[in-house]
C-alpha cells in the first residue's frame, strides 16, 4: 500500500471519504493504523459507522512471546519424558533377576 488505498467497486461517496488520507507507505505500523482510520471513515460514509480502536505502535517488535520459547518448551518436555522413560526401563532391567529354567 505504498501508493494509497484500493477502493475498487465502492460507492463514490465512500471512496471520497478517504481521498485526503496520506498513503501509509511501506511501514507495517503505518499500514495498520491508516487502514483502521480508512475503514472507520469508509464505514461512516456508507452509513454504518464503527468506532476506530486506538492502537499503540509495535515499536521494535520486542513484545510477545518468543517463537523459540513456544516451540522449545514442548520439545524440552518431550526430551525429558524420553530420558525419564529410558532411565526407568534401565532400572527395571537391572532390577530383574534371571532365573534358569529347570
Protein backbone atom coordinates (compact mmCIF):
# COMPACT_ATOMS: atom_id res chain seq x y z
CA UNK A 1 0.00 0.00 0.00
CA UNK A 2 2.83 2.48 -0.52
CA UNK A 3 0.83 4.23 -3.26
CA UNK A 4 -2.51 4.54 -1.47
CA UNK A 5 -5.73 2.68 -0.80
CA UNK A 6 -7.62 0.35 -3.09
CA UNK A 7 -11.25 1.37 -3.49
CA UNK A 8 -12.40 -0.97 -6.21
CA UNK A 9 -16.16 -1.32 -6.58
CA UNK A 10 -17.19 1.03 -3.74
CA UNK A 11 -19.72 3.84 -3.86
CA UNK A 12 -18.24 7.19 -4.93
CA UNK A 13 -19.22 8.86 -1.63
CA UNK A 14 -17.32 6.13 0.22
CA UNK A 15 -14.22 6.49 -1.97
CA UNK A 16 -14.23 10.28 -1.44
CA UNK A 17 -14.21 9.78 2.34
CA UNK A 18 -10.58 8.62 2.28
CA UNK A 19 -9.32 10.77 -0.58
CA UNK A 20 -7.49 13.15 1.76
CA UNK A 21 -5.72 10.40 3.73
CA UNK A 22 -1.99 10.25 3.01
CA UNK A 23 -0.65 6.95 1.65
CA UNK A 24 0.52 4.78 4.55
CA UNK A 25 3.83 3.86 2.93
CA UNK A 26 5.60 0.56 3.50
CA UNK A 27 5.81 0.59 7.31
CA UNK A 28 3.63 -2.14 8.80
CA UNK A 29 2.75 0.11 11.75
CA UNK A 30 1.56 2.87 9.42
CA UNK A 31 -0.31 0.44 7.18
CA UNK A 32 -2.20 -0.96 10.18
CA UNK A 33 -3.05 2.43 11.70
CA UNK A 34 -4.04 4.05 8.42
CA UNK A 35 -6.15 1.03 7.44
CA UNK A 36 -8.12 1.35 10.67
CA UNK A 37 -8.61 5.06 10.03
CA UNK A 38 -9.69 4.41 6.43
CA UNK A 39 -12.14 1.68 7.46
CA UNK A 40 -13.66 3.97 10.08
CA UNK A 41 -14.15 6.74 7.53
CA UNK A 42 -15.46 4.40 4.85
CA UNK A 43 -17.96 2.73 7.17
CA UNK A 44 -19.24 6.13 8.34
CA UNK A 45 -19.60 7.33 4.74
CA UNK A 46 -21.56 4.17 3.91
CA UNK A 47 -23.93 4.86 6.81
CA UNK A 48 -22.58 2.19 9.16
CA UNK A 49 -20.16 3.97 11.49
CA UNK A 50 -17.90 1.83 13.64
CA UNK A 51 -15.54 3.05 16.35
CA UNK A 52 -11.87 3.08 15.37
CA UNK A 53 -9.80 1.37 18.08
CA UNK A 54 -6.72 3.06 19.48
CA UNK A 55 -3.62 1.06 18.62
CA UNK A 56 -0.17 1.61 20.06
CA UNK A 57 2.92 1.28 17.92
CA UNK A 58 4.55 -2.08 17.50
CA UNK A 59 7.91 -0.45 18.15
CA UNK A 60 10.88 -2.73 17.87
CA UNK A 61 8.79 -5.86 17.81
CA UNK A 62 10.04 -6.93 21.21
CA UNK A 63 6.57 -7.64 22.57
CA UNK A 64 5.01 -11.05 22.72
CA UNK A 65 6.36 -14.50 23.36
CA UNK A 66 9.46 -15.69 21.57
CA UNK A 67 8.88 -18.45 18.99
CA UNK A 68 11.91 -20.25 20.46
CA UNK A 69 10.07 -20.40 23.76
CA UNK A 70 6.80 -21.52 22.18
CA UNK A 71 8.44 -24.41 20.30
CA UNK A 72 11.36 -25.06 22.62
CA UNK A 73 9.43 -25.79 25.82
CA UNK A 74 7.35 -28.66 24.36
CA UNK A 75 10.49 -30.16 22.77
CA UNK A 76 12.25 -29.89 26.13
CA UNK A 77 9.36 -31.69 27.86
CA UNK A 78 9.38 -34.46 25.24
CA UNK A 79 13.14 -34.93 25.65
CA UNK A 80 12.76 -35.01 29.44
CA UNK A 81 9.94 -37.55 29.22
CA UNK A 82 12.00 -39.71 26.87
CA UNK A 83 15.01 -39.54 29.16
CA UNK A 84 12.97 -40.46 32.23
CA UNK A 85 11.36 -43.37 30.38
CA UNK A 86 14.79 -44.66 29.33
CA UNK A 87 16.07 -44.40 32.90
CA UNK A 88 13.02 -46.25 34.23
CA UNK A 89 13.44 -49.07 31.70
CA UNK A 90 17.12 -49.33 32.53
CA UNK A 91 16.32 -49.55 36.25
CA UNK A 92 13.65 -52.18 35.60
CA UNK A 93 16.12 -54.30 33.59
CA UNK A 94 18.87 -54.16 36.21
CA UNK A 95 16.38 -55.00 38.97
CA UNK A 96 15.16 -58.18 37.28
CA UNK A 97 16.77 -61.46 38.34
CA UNK A 98 17.28 -64.03 35.70
CA UNK A 99 16.13 -67.48 36.62
CA UNK A 100 17.20 -70.59 34.80
CA UNK A 101 14.62 -72.99 33.60
CA UNK A 102 14.68 -76.35 35.45
